[in-house]
PDB file of all heavy atoms in Angstrom:
ATOM      1  N   GLY A   1      92.508 109.586  98.800  1.00  0.00           N
ATOM      2  CA  GLY A   1      93.374 109.004  97.846  1.00  0.00           C
ATOM      3  C   GLY A   1      93.830 107.566  98.099  1.00  0.00           C
ATOM      4  O   GLY A   1      94.537 106.985  97.356  1.00  0.00           O
ATOM      5  N   HIS A   2      93.393 106.980  99.241  1.00  0.00           N
ATOM      6  CA  HIS A   2      93.771 105.591  99.623  1.00  0.00           C
ATOM      7  C   HIS A   2      93.027 104.646  98.667  1.00  0.00           C
ATOM      8  O   HIS A   2      91.842 104.448  98.730  1.00  0.00           O
ATOM      9  CB  HIS A   2      93.400 105.344 101.084  1.00  0.00           C
ATOM     10  CG  HIS A   2      93.550 103.949 101.458  1.00  0.00           C
ATOM     11  ND1 HIS A   2      92.496 103.114 101.793  1.00  0.00           N
ATOM     12  CD2 HIS A   2      94.634 103.119 101.531  1.00  0.00           C
ATOM     13  CE1 HIS A   2      92.940 101.929 102.076  1.00  0.00           C
ATOM     14  NE2 HIS A   2      94.174 101.910 101.924  1.00  0.00           N
ATOM     15  N   VAL A   3      93.776 103.980  97.758  1.00  0.00           N
ATOM     16  CA  VAL A   3      93.180 103.077  96.774  1.00  0.00           C
ATOM     17  C   VAL A   3      93.011 101.724  97.388  1.00  0.00           C
ATOM     18  O   VAL A   3      93.894 101.180  98.075  1.00  0.00           O
ATOM     19  CB  VAL A   3      94.091 103.018  95.486  1.00  0.00           C
ATOM     20  CG1 VAL A   3      93.562 101.986  94.535  1.00  0.00           C
ATOM     21  CG2 VAL A   3      94.132 104.421  94.855  1.00  0.00           C
ATOM     22  N   HIS A   4      91.850 101.093  97.127  1.00  0.00           N
ATOM     23  CA  HIS A   4      91.544  99.801  97.726  1.00  0.00           C
ATOM     24  C   HIS A   4      90.421  99.148  96.872  1.00  0.00           C
ATOM     25  O   HIS A   4      89.888  99.728  95.995  1.00  0.00           O
ATOM     26  CB  HIS A   4      91.071  99.936  99.119  1.00  0.00           C
ATOM     27  CG  HIS A   4      89.933 100.890  99.286  1.00  0.00           C
ATOM     28  ND1 HIS A   4      90.039 102.252  99.323  1.00  0.00           N
ATOM     29  CD2 HIS A   4      88.586 100.614  99.399  1.00  0.00           C
ATOM     30  CE1 HIS A   4      88.866 102.786  99.436  1.00  0.00           C
ATOM     31  NE2 HIS A   4      87.955 101.837  99.449  1.00  0.00           N
ATOM     32  N   ILE A   5      90.138  97.863  97.230  1.00  0.00           N
ATOM     33  CA  ILE A   5      89.097  97.140  96.615  1.00  0.00           C
ATOM     34  C   ILE A   5      88.450  96.274  97.654  1.00  0.00           C
ATOM     35  O   ILE A   5      89.102  95.786  98.603  1.00  0.00           O
ATOM     36  CB  ILE A   5      89.578  96.232  95.424  1.00  0.00           C
ATOM     37  CG1 ILE A   5      88.470  95.637  94.627  1.00  0.00           C
ATOM     38  CG2 ILE A   5      90.556  95.139  95.928  1.00  0.00           C
ATOM     39  CD1 ILE A   5      88.904  94.950  93.312  1.00  0.00           C
ATOM     40  N   ALA A   6      87.102  96.125  97.580  1.00  0.00           N
ATOM     41  CA  ALA A   6      86.365  95.256  98.493  1.00  0.00           C
ATOM     42  C   ALA A   6      85.778  94.141  97.657  1.00  0.00           C
ATOM     43  O   ALA A   6      85.215  94.394  96.572  1.00  0.00           O
ATOM     44  CB  ALA A   6      85.243  96.027  99.178  1.00  0.00           C
ATOM     45  N   ARG A   7      85.923  92.915  98.100  1.00  0.00           N
ATOM     46  CA  ARG A   7      85.435  91.737  97.397  1.00  0.00           C
ATOM     47  C   ARG A   7      84.540  90.864  98.279  1.00  0.00           C
ATOM     48  O   ARG A   7      84.741  90.763  99.480  1.00  0.00           O
ATOM     49  CB  ARG A   7      86.652  90.937  96.898  1.00  0.00           C
ATOM     50  CG  ARG A   7      87.479  91.701  95.930  1.00  0.00           C
ATOM     51  CD  ARG A   7      88.821  91.018  95.638  1.00  0.00           C
ATOM     52  NE  ARG A   7      88.783  89.635  95.280  1.00  0.00           N
ATOM     53  CZ  ARG A   7      88.941  89.137  94.078  1.00  0.00           C
ATOM     54  NH1 ARG A   7      89.242  89.903  93.059  1.00  0.00           N
ATOM     55  NH2 ARG A   7      88.910  87.854  93.886  1.00  0.00           N
ATOM     56  N   ASN A   8      83.559  90.239  97.665  1.00  0.00           N
ATOM     57  CA  ASN A   8      82.718  89.243  98.344  1.00  0.00           C
ATOM     58  C   ASN A   8      83.247  87.879  97.844  1.00  0.00           C
ATOM     59  O   ASN A   8      82.866  87.461  96.769  1.00  0.00           O
ATOM     60  CB  ASN A   8      81.240  89.409  97.972  1.00  0.00           C
ATOM     61  CG  ASN A   8      80.421  88.336  98.759  1.00  0.00           C
ATOM     62  OD1 ASN A   8      80.892  87.491  99.405  1.00  0.00           O
ATOM     63  ND2 ASN A   8      79.085  88.489  98.514  1.00  0.00           N
ATOM     64  N   GLU A   9      84.104  87.285  98.600  1.00  0.00           N
ATOM     65  CA  GLU A   9      84.756  86.008  98.164  1.00  0.00           C
ATOM     66  C   GLU A   9      83.921  84.798  98.623  1.00  0.00           C
ATOM     67  O   GLU A   9      84.393  83.692  98.379  1.00  0.00           O
ATOM     68  CB  GLU A   9      86.201  85.969  98.678  1.00  0.00           C
ATOM     69  CG  GLU A   9      87.031  87.092  98.021  1.00  0.00           C
ATOM     70  CD  GLU A   9      88.486  87.169  98.441  1.00  0.00           C
ATOM     71  OE1 GLU A   9      88.857  86.448  99.404  1.00  0.00           O
ATOM     72  OE2 GLU A   9      89.212  87.894  97.775  1.00  0.00           O
ATOM     73  N   SER A  10      82.724  85.026  99.104  1.00  0.00           N
ATOM     74  CA  SER A  10      81.852  83.919  99.412  1.00  0.00           C
ATOM     75  C   SER A  10      81.305  83.283  98.171  1.00  0.00           C
ATOM     76  O   SER A  10      81.290  83.952  97.118  1.00  0.00           O
ATOM     77  CB  SER A  10      80.641  84.478 100.252  1.00  0.00           C
ATOM     78  OG  SER A  10      79.645  83.535 100.352  1.00  0.00           O
ATOM     79  N   VAL A  11      80.901  82.048  98.257  1.00  0.00           N
ATOM     80  CA  VAL A  11      80.298  81.378  97.097  1.00  0.00           C
ATOM     81  C   VAL A  11      78.771  81.322  97.208  1.00  0.00           C
ATOM     82  O   VAL A  11      78.118  80.908  96.278  1.00  0.00           O
ATOM     83  CB  VAL A  11      80.912  79.978  96.905  1.00  0.00           C
ATOM     84  CG1 VAL A  11      82.356  80.034  96.543  1.00  0.00           C
ATOM     85  CG2 VAL A  11      80.664  79.129  98.150  1.00  0.00           C
ATOM     86  N   SER A  12      78.218  81.735  98.376  1.00  0.00           N
ATOM     87  CA  SER A  12      76.768  81.597  98.548  1.00  0.00           C
ATOM     88  C   SER A  12      76.077  82.699  99.259  1.00  0.00           C
ATOM     89  O   SER A  12      74.818  82.693  99.264  1.00  0.00           O
ATOM     90  CB  SER A  12      76.470  80.268  99.244  1.00  0.00           C
ATOM     91  OG  SER A  12      77.068  80.288 100.525  1.00  0.00           O
ATOM     92  N   VAL A  13      76.772  83.672  99.840  1.00  0.00           N
ATOM     93  CA  VAL A  13      76.113  84.661 100.675  1.00  0.00           C
ATOM     94  C   VAL A  13      76.369  86.083 100.132  1.00  0.00           C
ATOM     95  O   VAL A  13      77.530  86.437  99.840  1.00  0.00           O
ATOM     96  CB  VAL A  13      76.643  84.582 102.107  1.00  0.00           C
ATOM     97  CG1 VAL A  13      75.987  85.628 103.017  1.00  0.00           C
ATOM     98  CG2 VAL A  13      76.336  83.213 102.709  1.00  0.00           C
ATOM     99  N   ASP A  14      75.326  86.865  99.987  1.00  0.00           N
ATOM    100  CA  ASP A  14      75.499  88.248  99.584  1.00  0.00           C
ATOM    101  C   ASP A  14      76.206  89.025 100.672  1.00  0.00           C
ATOM    102  O   ASP A  14      76.027  88.740 101.897  1.00  0.00           O
ATOM    103  CB  ASP A  14      74.112  88.937  99.331  1.00  0.00           C
ATOM    104  CG  ASP A  14      73.460  88.480  97.998  1.00  0.00           C
ATOM    105  OD1 ASP A  14      74.130  87.852  97.202  1.00  0.00           O
ATOM    106  OD2 ASP A  14      72.232  88.812  97.887  1.00  0.00           O
ATOM    107  N   LEU A  15      77.035  89.968 100.267  1.00  0.00           N
ATOM    108  CA  LEU A  15      77.667  90.951 101.167  1.00  0.00           C
ATOM    109  C   LEU A  15      76.804  92.203 101.195  1.00  0.00           C
ATOM    110  O   LEU A  15      76.499  92.750 100.104  1.00  0.00           O
ATOM    111  CB  LEU A  15      79.064  91.272 100.721  1.00  0.00           C
ATOM    112  CG  LEU A  15      79.777  92.473 101.285  1.00  0.00           C
ATOM    113  CD1 LEU A  15      79.926  92.349 102.782  1.00  0.00           C
ATOM    114  CD2 LEU A  15      81.074  92.761 100.642  1.00  0.00           C
ATOM    115  N   GLU A  16      76.436  92.664 102.378  1.00  0.00           N
ATOM    116  CA  GLU A  16      75.725  93.934 102.483  1.00  0.00           C
ATOM    117  C   GLU A  16      76.480  94.850 103.428  1.00  0.00           C
ATOM    118  O   GLU A  16      76.828  94.444 104.522  1.00  0.00           O
ATOM    119  CB  GLU A  16      74.283  93.747 103.066  1.00  0.00           C
ATOM    120  CG  GLU A  16      73.597  95.074 103.187  1.00  0.00           C
ATOM    121  CD  GLU A  16      72.134  94.958 103.693  1.00  0.00           C
ATOM    122  OE1 GLU A  16      71.609  93.810 103.823  1.00  0.00           O
ATOM    123  OE2 GLU A  16      71.526  96.019 103.994  1.00  0.00           O
ATOM    124  N   LEU A  17      76.857  96.000 102.908  1.00  0.00           N
ATOM    125  CA  LEU A  17      77.541  96.993 103.757  1.00  0.00           C
ATOM    126  C   LEU A  17      76.888  98.369 103.663  1.00  0.00           C
ATOM    127  O   LEU A  17      76.211  98.660 102.678  1.00  0.00           O
ATOM    128  CB  LEU A  17      79.041  97.036 103.382  1.00  0.00           C
ATOM    129  CG  LEU A  17      79.391  97.487 101.980  1.00  0.00           C
ATOM    130  CD1 LEU A  17      79.787  98.926 101.966  1.00  0.00           C
ATOM    131  CD2 LEU A  17      80.519  96.652 101.457  1.00  0.00           C
ATOM    132  N   TRP A  18      77.028  99.092 104.671  1.00  0.00           N
ATOM    133  CA  TRP A  18      76.546 100.509 104.742  1.00  0.00           C
ATOM    134  C   TRP A  18      77.747 101.373 104.885  1.00  0.00           C
ATOM    135  O   TRP A  18      78.658 101.055 105.659  1.00  0.00           O
ATOM    136  CB  TRP A  18      75.595 100.664 105.887  1.00  0.00           C
ATOM    137  CG  TRP A  18      74.259  99.959 105.672  1.00  0.00           C
ATOM    138  CD1 TRP A  18      74.080  98.630 105.408  1.00  0.00           C
ATOM    139  CD2 TRP A  18      72.979 100.535 105.662  1.00  0.00           C
ATOM    140  NE1 TRP A  18      72.752  98.359 105.288  1.00  0.00           N
ATOM    141  CE2 TRP A  18      72.062  99.526 105.434  1.00  0.00           C
ATOM    142  CE3 TRP A  18      72.506 101.839 105.902  1.00  0.00           C
ATOM    143  CZ2 TRP A  18      70.691  99.740 105.391  1.00  0.00           C
ATOM    144  CZ3 TRP A  18      71.153 102.022 105.849  1.00  0.00           C
ATOM    145  CH2 TRP A  18      70.244 101.031 105.595  1.00  0.00           C
ATOM    146  N   ALA A  19      77.842 102.449 104.089  1.00  0.00           N
ATOM    147  CA  ALA A  19      78.976 103.350 104.087  1.00  0.00           C
ATOM    148  C   ALA A  19      78.542 104.768 104.421  1.00  0.00           C
ATOM    149  O   ALA A  19      77.533 105.262 103.870  1.00  0.00           O
ATOM    150  CB  ALA A  19      79.757 103.262 102.813  1.00  0.00           C
ATOM    151  N   LEU A  20      79.248 105.389 105.341  1.00  0.00           N
ATOM    152  CA  LEU A  20      79.045 106.841 105.598  1.00  0.00           C
ATOM    153  C   LEU A  20      80.275 107.543 105.124  1.00  0.00           C
ATOM    154  O   LEU A  20      81.379 107.373 105.677  1.00  0.00           O
ATOM    155  CB  LEU A  20      78.864 107.061 107.110  1.00  0.00           C
ATOM    156  CG  LEU A  20      78.861 108.560 107.552  1.00  0.00           C
ATOM    157  CD1 LEU A  20      77.842 109.382 106.850  1.00  0.00           C
ATOM    158  CD2 LEU A  20      78.748 108.662 109.047  1.00  0.00           C
ATOM    159  N   TYR A  21      80.174 108.264 103.990  1.00  0.00           N
ATOM    160  CA  TYR A  21      81.224 108.962 103.415  1.00  0.00           C
ATOM    161  C   TYR A  21      81.292 110.377 104.037  1.00  0.00           C
ATOM    162  O   TYR A  21      80.335 111.114 103.951  1.00  0.00           O
ATOM    163  CB  TYR A  21      81.049 109.118 101.881  1.00  0.00           C
ATOM    164  CG  TYR A  21      80.825 107.793 101.171  1.00  0.00           C
ATOM    165  CD1 TYR A  21      79.530 107.272 100.991  1.00  0.00           C
ATOM    166  CD2 TYR A  21      81.929 107.038 100.717  1.00  0.00           C
ATOM    167  CE1 TYR A  21      79.341 106.057 100.331  1.00  0.00           C
ATOM    168  CE2 TYR A  21      81.716 105.831 100.066  1.00  0.00           C
ATOM    169  CZ  TYR A  21      80.454 105.315  99.866  1.00  0.00           C
ATOM    170  OH  TYR A  21      80.264 104.164  99.211  1.00  0.00           O
ATOM    171  N   LEU A  22      82.402 110.723 104.623  1.00  0.00           N
ATOM    172  CA  LEU A  22      82.545 112.035 105.255  1.00  0.00           C
ATOM    173  C   LEU A  22      83.312 112.940 104.293  1.00  0.00           C
ATOM    174  O   LEU A  22      84.193 112.523 103.569  1.00  0.00           O
ATOM    175  CB  LEU A  22      83.371 111.905 106.538  1.00  0.00           C
ATOM    176  CG  LEU A  22      82.742 110.998 107.594  1.00  0.00           C
ATOM    177  CD1 LEU A  22      83.689 110.821 108.748  1.00  0.00           C
ATOM    178  CD2 LEU A  22      81.451 111.583 108.117  1.00  0.00           C
ATOM    179  N   ASP A  23      82.981 114.252 104.366  1.00  0.00           N
ATOM    180  CA  ASP A  23      83.729 115.265 103.629  1.00  0.00           C
ATOM    181  C   ASP A  23      83.702 115.054 102.107  1.00  0.00           C
ATOM    182  O   ASP A  23      84.744 115.048 101.443  1.00  0.00           O
ATOM    183  CB  ASP A  23      85.141 115.381 104.125  1.00  0.00           C
ATOM    184  CG  ASP A  23      85.784 116.700 103.787  1.00  0.00           C
ATOM    185  OD1 ASP A  23      85.066 117.683 103.655  1.00  0.00           O
ATOM    186  OD2 ASP A  23      86.980 116.764 103.571  1.00  0.00           O
ATOM    187  N   VAL A  24      82.519 114.915 101.596  1.00  0.00           N
ATOM    188  CA  VAL A  24      82.257 114.808 100.137  1.00  0.00           C
ATOM    189  C   VAL A  24      82.095 116.194  99.562  1.00  0.00           C
ATOM    190  O   VAL A  24      81.415 117.033 100.166  1.00  0.00           O
ATOM    191  CB  VAL A  24      81.057 113.912  99.867  1.00  0.00           C
ATOM    192  CG1 VAL A  24      80.720 113.849  98.423  1.00  0.00           C
ATOM    193  CG2 VAL A  24      81.249 112.524 100.461  1.00  0.00           C
ATOM    194  N   PRO A  25      82.648 116.503  98.394  1.00  0.00           N
ATOM    195  CA  PRO A  25      82.389 117.806  97.783  1.00  0.00           C
ATOM    196  C   PRO A  25      80.871 117.977  97.530  1.00  0.00           C
ATOM    197  O   PRO A  25      80.216 117.008  97.210  1.00  0.00           O
ATOM    198  CB  PRO A  25      83.150 117.736  96.457  1.00  0.00           C
ATOM    199  CG  PRO A  25      84.148 116.680  96.587  1.00  0.00           C
ATOM    200  CD  PRO A  25      83.558 115.685  97.614  1.00  0.00           C
ATOM    201  N   PRO A  26      80.358 119.166  97.749  1.00  0.00           N
ATOM    202  CA  PRO A  26      78.926 119.426  97.611  1.00  0.00           C
ATOM    203  C   PRO A  26      78.470 118.937  96.173  1.00  0.00           C
ATOM    204  O   PRO A  26      79.038 119.299  95.188  1.00  0.00           O
ATOM    205  CB  PRO A  26      78.805 120.947  97.702  1.00  0.00           C
ATOM    206  CG  PRO A  26      79.952 121.361  98.614  1.00  0.00           C
ATOM    207  CD  PRO A  26      81.052 120.346  98.185  1.00  0.00           C
ATOM    208  N   ALA A  27      77.441 118.059  96.216  1.00  0.00           N
ATOM    209  CA  ALA A  27      76.938 117.437  95.003  1.00  0.00           C
ATOM    210  C   ALA A  27      77.979 116.696  94.195  1.00  0.00           C
ATOM    211  O   ALA A  27      77.760 116.352  93.008  1.00  0.00           O
ATOM    212  CB  ALA A  27      76.204 118.473  94.167  1.00  0.00           C
ATOM    213  N   GLY A  28      79.131 116.393  94.750  1.00  0.00           N
ATOM    214  CA  GLY A  28      80.205 115.715  94.054  1.00  0.00           C
ATOM    215  C   GLY A  28      80.272 114.203  94.300  1.00  0.00           C
ATOM    216  O   GLY A  28      79.459 113.633  95.068  1.00  0.00           O
ATOM    217  N   ALA A  29      81.262 113.589  93.628  1.00  0.00           N
ATOM    218  CA  ALA A  29      81.416 112.170  93.751  1.00  0.00           C
ATOM    219  C   ALA A  29      81.985 111.766  95.104  1.00  0.00           C
ATOM    220  O   ALA A  29      82.844 112.449  95.662  1.00  0.00           O
ATOM    221  CB  ALA A  29      82.360 111.716  92.595  1.00  0.00           C
ATOM    222  N   PHE A  30      81.520 110.641  95.630  1.00  0.00           N
ATOM    223  CA  PHE A  30      82.074 110.071  96.858  1.00  0.00           C
ATOM    224  C   PHE A  30      82.837 108.822  96.585  1.00  0.00           C
ATOM    225  O   PHE A  30      83.422 108.226  97.473  1.00  0.00           O
ATOM    226  CB  PHE A  30      80.958 109.823  97.841  1.00  0.00           C
ATOM    227  CG  PHE A  30      79.770 109.038  97.283  1.00  0.00           C
ATOM    228  CD1 PHE A  30      79.794 107.642  97.237  1.00  0.00           C
ATOM    229  CD2 PHE A  30      78.688 109.736  96.801  1.00  0.00           C
ATOM    230  CE1 PHE A  30      78.694 106.965  96.754  1.00  0.00           C
ATOM    231  CE2 PHE A  30      77.586 109.069  96.312  1.00  0.00           C
ATOM    232  CZ  PHE A  30      77.588 107.649  96.274  1.00  0.00           C
TER     233      PHE A  30
END
């Protein structure tokens, strides 16, 4: 339930991130 936003505030470089979501409902939204 922790609400947040991630932004790429760069003007020239792509942001690449990898996320490991723990405890997702089976076949559910992460």
